[in-house]
Protein backbone atom coordinates (compact mmCIF):
# COMPACT_ATOMS: atom_id res chain seq x y z
CA MET A 1 16.85 62.22 -59.10
CA ARG A 2 14.75 62.18 -62.20
CA GLY A 3 11.01 62.02 -62.13
CA ALA A 4 8.89 61.50 -59.07
CA THR A 5 10.61 60.66 -55.81
CA ALA A 6 11.12 56.88 -55.49
CA ARG A 7 8.66 55.23 -53.04
CA ARG A 8 10.46 53.76 -50.01
CA ARG A 9 9.76 50.06 -49.40
CA PRO A 10 8.24 49.21 -45.98
CA ARG A 11 10.80 47.77 -43.55
CA ALA A 12 10.41 44.00 -43.10
CA ARG A 13 8.46 43.24 -39.98
CA VAL A 14 10.77 40.56 -38.55
CA TRP A 15 9.27 40.85 -35.07
CA VAL A 16 5.88 39.39 -36.12
CA PRO A 17 7.01 35.75 -36.56
CA LEU A 18 9.11 36.05 -33.39
CA VAL A 19 6.06 37.04 -31.36
CA LEU A 20 4.08 34.16 -32.86
CA LEU A 21 6.83 31.70 -31.94
CA LEU A 22 6.88 33.04 -28.38
CA ILE A 23 3.11 32.66 -28.04
CA ALA A 24 3.28 29.08 -29.35
CA ALA A 25 6.04 28.22 -26.86
CA LEU A 26 3.97 29.61 -23.97
CA VAL A 27 0.96 27.55 -25.05
CA VAL A 28 3.06 24.35 -25.16
CA ILE A 29 4.52 25.05 -21.71
CA GLY A 30 1.06 25.74 -20.30
CA LEU A 31 -0.34 22.48 -21.67
CA SER A 32 2.61 20.57 -20.26
CA LEU A 33 2.14 22.07 -16.79
CA SER A 34 -1.57 21.31 -16.95
CA ALA A 35 -0.88 17.68 -17.84
CA GLU A 36 1.59 17.40 -14.96
CA GLY A 37 -1.06 18.75 -12.63
CA LEU A 38 -3.56 16.18 -13.81
CA ARG A 39 -1.04 13.39 -13.33
CA ALA A 40 -0.21 14.58 -9.83
CA ASP A 41 -3.89 14.70 -8.86
CA ARG A 42 -4.70 11.31 -10.34
CA PRO A 43 -5.67 8.71 -7.67
CA GLY A 44 -2.99 6.11 -7.15
CA ALA A 45 -0.03 8.30 -8.12
CA GLU A 46 3.00 8.39 -5.88
CA ALA A 47 3.56 11.68 -4.12
CA SER A 48 6.86 13.18 -5.21
CA ALA A 49 8.16 14.04 -1.72
CA ALA A 50 9.83 11.26 0.27
CA GLN A 51 9.99 11.67 4.04
CA ALA A 52 13.18 10.47 5.72
CA VAL A 53 12.56 8.71 9.05
CA ASP A 54 14.31 6.64 11.69
CA VAL A 55 12.88 3.21 12.47
CA LEU A 56 12.19 2.79 16.18
CA ALA A 57 10.75 -0.74 16.23
CA ILE A 58 9.52 -3.55 13.98
CA THR A 59 5.98 -4.55 14.96
CA ASP A 60 5.75 -7.35 12.39
CA GLY A 61 6.46 -7.90 8.71
CA ASP A 62 4.15 -5.14 7.51
CA THR A 63 4.08 -2.57 10.33
CA ILE A 64 6.84 -0.42 11.83
CA ASP A 65 7.22 2.35 14.41
CA THR A 66 9.09 5.39 13.11
CA THR A 67 9.88 8.95 14.14
CA ALA A 68 6.91 9.98 11.95
CA GLY A 69 4.53 7.56 13.70
CA LYS A 70 3.35 3.98 13.22
CA VAL A 71 3.45 2.98 9.55
CA ARG A 72 1.49 0.26 7.75
CA LEU A 73 3.14 -0.80 4.47
CA ILE A 74 0.79 -0.37 1.52
CA GLY A 75 -0.48 -3.41 -0.36
CA ILE A 76 1.01 -6.33 1.60
CA ASP A 77 0.07 -8.59 4.52
CA THR A 78 2.33 -10.80 6.64
CA PRO A 79 1.66 -13.50 9.25
CA GLU A 80 0.17 -12.46 12.59
CA ARG A 81 1.64 -13.37 15.96
CA GLY A 82 1.17 -17.09 16.57
CA GLU A 83 1.05 -17.92 12.87
CA VAL A 84 3.75 -19.62 10.81
CA GLY A 85 6.29 -17.09 9.61
CA PHE A 86 5.48 -14.27 12.07
CA ALA A 87 8.99 -14.01 13.53
CA ASP A 88 10.67 -14.65 10.18
CA ALA A 89 8.72 -11.91 8.42
CA GLY A 90 9.53 -9.37 11.13
CA ALA A 91 13.20 -10.33 11.08
CA GLU A 92 13.33 -10.08 7.28
CA LEU A 93 11.81 -6.60 7.26
CA GLY A 94 14.10 -5.46 10.07
CA ALA A 95 17.19 -6.69 8.23
CA PHE A 96 16.10 -4.95 5.03
CA LEU A 97 15.45 -1.62 6.75
CA SER A 98 18.67 -1.76 8.76
CA ALA A 99 20.64 -0.90 5.60
CA GLY A 100 19.03 2.59 5.71
CA PRO A 101 18.38 5.40 5.20
CA VAL A 102 14.63 4.78 5.31
CA THR A 103 12.10 6.99 3.52
CA LEU A 104 8.31 6.98 3.43
CA VAL A 105 6.35 7.69 0.25
CA ALA A 106 2.63 8.51 0.26
CA VAL A 107 0.22 7.79 -2.59
CA THR A 108 -1.69 10.80 -3.87
CA GLY A 109 -5.46 10.30 -3.86
CA ASN A 110 -5.37 7.34 -1.46
CA ASP A 111 -6.13 7.32 2.28
CA ASP A 112 -3.31 8.84 4.30
CA THR A 113 -4.00 6.61 7.33
CA ASP A 114 -5.93 3.45 8.10
CA ARG A 115 -8.73 3.20 10.65
CA TYR A 116 -6.19 2.58 13.41
CA GLY A 117 -4.40 5.84 12.66
CA ARG A 118 -1.36 4.18 11.08
CA LEU A 119 0.28 6.00 8.17
CA LEU A 120 -0.22 4.17 4.86
CA ARG A 121 3.08 4.40 2.99
CA TYR A 122 5.51 2.73 0.67
CA VAL A 123 8.73 2.23 2.63
CA ARG A 124 11.98 2.59 0.72
CA VAL A 125 15.66 1.97 1.47
CA ASP A 126 17.99 3.67 -1.00
CA GLY A 127 15.23 3.55 -3.61
CA ARG A 128 14.44 -0.14 -3.01
CA ASP A 129 10.85 -0.93 -2.05
CA ALA A 130 10.32 -2.85 1.20
CA GLY A 131 6.93 -4.25 0.13
CA ALA A 132 8.39 -5.71 -3.07
CA HIS A 133 11.27 -7.19 -1.06
CA MET A 134 8.92 -8.88 1.40
CA LEU A 135 6.92 -10.38 -1.48
CA GLN A 136 10.09 -11.62 -3.16
CA THR A 137 11.17 -13.42 0.00
CA GLY A 138 7.76 -15.07 0.29
CA TRP A 139 7.06 -13.66 3.76
CA ALA A 140 4.25 -11.41 2.51
CA THR A 141 1.16 -11.67 0.33
CA ALA A 142 -0.30 -8.96 -1.91
CA ARG A 143 -3.44 -7.74 -0.17
CA TYR A 144 -5.47 -4.67 0.83
CA ASP A 145 -5.69 -3.41 -2.76
CA SER A 146 -8.39 -2.82 -5.37
CA ARG A 147 -9.22 -6.54 -5.49
CA ASP A 148 -10.64 -6.56 -1.97
CA GLY A 149 -12.29 -3.17 -1.69
CA TYR A 150 -9.34 -0.96 -0.77
CA ASP A 151 -7.59 1.77 -2.74
CA GLY A 152 -5.57 0.62 -5.73
CA HIS A 153 -1.93 1.70 -5.72
CA PRO A 154 0.77 2.24 -8.37
CA LEU A 155 2.68 -0.97 -7.57
CA GLU A 156 -0.39 -3.20 -7.29
CA GLU A 157 0.22 -5.21 -10.48
CA GLU A 158 3.90 -5.68 -9.62
CA TYR A 159 2.99 -6.82 -6.10
CA ILE A 160 0.45 -9.35 -7.39
CA ALA A 161 2.98 -10.77 -9.86
CA LEU A 162 5.64 -11.09 -7.14
CA ASP A 163 3.15 -12.76 -4.80
CA THR A 164 2.24 -15.29 -7.49
CA ALA A 165 5.90 -16.05 -8.24
CA HIS A 166 7.18 -16.45 -4.66
CA ALA A 167 5.68 -18.92 -2.19
CA MET A 168 6.24 -18.77 1.57
CA PRO A 169 9.52 -20.56 2.43
CA THR A 170 7.88 -22.74 5.11
CA ALA A 171 4.72 -24.78 4.98
CA PRO A 172 1.53 -22.94 5.99
CA THR A 173 -0.44 -23.89 9.09
CA PRO A 174 -2.35 -27.14 8.37
CA ALA A 175 -6.07 -26.69 7.89
CA ALA A 176 -8.19 -27.71 10.85
CA GLU A 177 -10.05 -30.97 10.66
CA PRO A 178 -13.70 -30.36 9.74
CA VAL A 179 -16.02 -30.44 12.73
CA GLU A 180 -19.46 -31.92 12.34
CA PRO A 181 -22.04 -29.41 13.56
CA PRO A 182 -24.75 -30.54 15.96
CA ALA A 183 -27.85 -31.99 14.37
CA GLY A 184 -30.07 -29.37 12.79
CA GLU A 185 -27.32 -26.75 12.38
CA ALA A 186 -25.64 -25.95 9.08
CA VAL A 187 -21.87 -25.78 8.60
CA GLY A 188 -20.54 -22.27 9.26
CA GLU A 189 -23.47 -21.14 11.40
CA ALA A 190 -22.94 -19.94 14.95
CA VAL A 191 -23.22 -22.76 17.45
CA GLY A 192 -25.00 -22.47 20.79
CA ASP A 193 -24.00 -19.03 22.11
CA GLY A 194 -24.13 -17.25 18.74
CA THR A 195 -20.36 -16.81 18.31
CA ASP A 196 -18.50 -17.49 15.06
CA PRO A 197 -16.88 -20.88 14.41
CA ARG A 198 -13.49 -21.18 16.09
CA PHE A 199 -10.39 -21.73 13.93
CA ASP A 200 -6.74 -22.49 14.66
CA SER A 201 -5.52 -19.08 13.46
CA CYS A 202 -6.68 -15.68 12.29
CA ARG A 203 -5.47 -16.47 8.78
CA GLU A 204 -7.80 -19.48 8.66
CA ALA A 205 -10.70 -17.49 10.13
CA ASN A 206 -10.19 -14.76 7.52
CA ALA A 207 -10.01 -17.36 4.76
CA HIS A 208 -13.48 -18.57 5.78
CA GLY A 209 -14.88 -15.05 5.80
CA TYR A 210 -14.75 -14.41 9.55
CA GLY A 211 -12.90 -11.84 11.57
CA GLU A 212 -12.18 -8.63 12.91
CA TYR A 213 -12.93 -9.01 16.58
CA GLU A 214 -12.75 -6.12 19.03
CA ALA A 215 -11.44 -6.52 22.57
CA THR A 216 -14.13 -6.42 25.31
CA VAL A 217 -16.81 -6.44 22.60
CA ASP A 218 -16.47 -9.70 20.67
CA PRO A 219 -15.96 -12.92 22.67
CA GLU A 220 -14.05 -14.34 19.68
CA TYR A 221 -11.27 -11.80 20.35
CA ASP A 222 -10.02 -13.94 23.26
CA TRP A 223 -9.57 -16.97 21.00
CA TYR A 224 -6.82 -15.37 18.95
CA ARG A 225 -3.64 -13.34 19.35
CA ASP A 226 -3.78 -9.58 18.80
CA GLY A 227 -0.52 -9.35 16.85
CA ASP A 228 -0.07 -5.59 16.97
CA GLY A 229 -1.79 -4.97 20.30
CA ASP A 230 -4.30 -2.49 18.87
CA GLY A 231 -7.37 -4.07 20.42
CA TRP A 232 -8.44 -5.91 17.26
CA ALA A 233 -7.79 -9.56 16.39
CA CYS A 234 -8.03 -11.20 12.99
CA GLU A 235 -7.97 -7.90 11.09
CA ARG A 236 -9.03 -8.28 7.46
């Protein structure tokens, strides 16, 4: 070779862009996992795991006994014992659940149980939601949600829309005739012995702002039916 020895060109460093691409991919995956974690921890998000159960008994249109314990359906309310629609609502829920299999779904960030120890769950049959079904039939109302001081839940807006669109199939209990209070006492005040005004049903008492009466504690408890036998009447 003539002249000075030819200078060898440096070998192309192909591995540099590959490493950069790998780092970028890891960053994207990390951000995605972080976002999933935030969504999972967000109040009002459905827990991903569904618990399969057997239904042992139907208490009423919004409460069931299962192999996992007593379950209160999230976000709905149905007639109490002695009120119009009590038997129909229970029968409707029982017929829906009989198709099975039944699964329970918790809501992340919300209370796991109510004050009576009942599990608060969505109840599903083959992916179909029992609460939505009860609202569609008219045997339930959307209640116990963010509008009245309870936890909001993922299906709250859907439940409210279904409640608005579907009225109860039978006429509600007629309102009681107004009773003139004794002279000197205002309407709605306790009369004589200091107890609340007496109504024809728990639903009517609740509508007027009264209720939750405990057995052996509140004399008003004996005026009404304790639909689920838990020692409380006219639960709100």
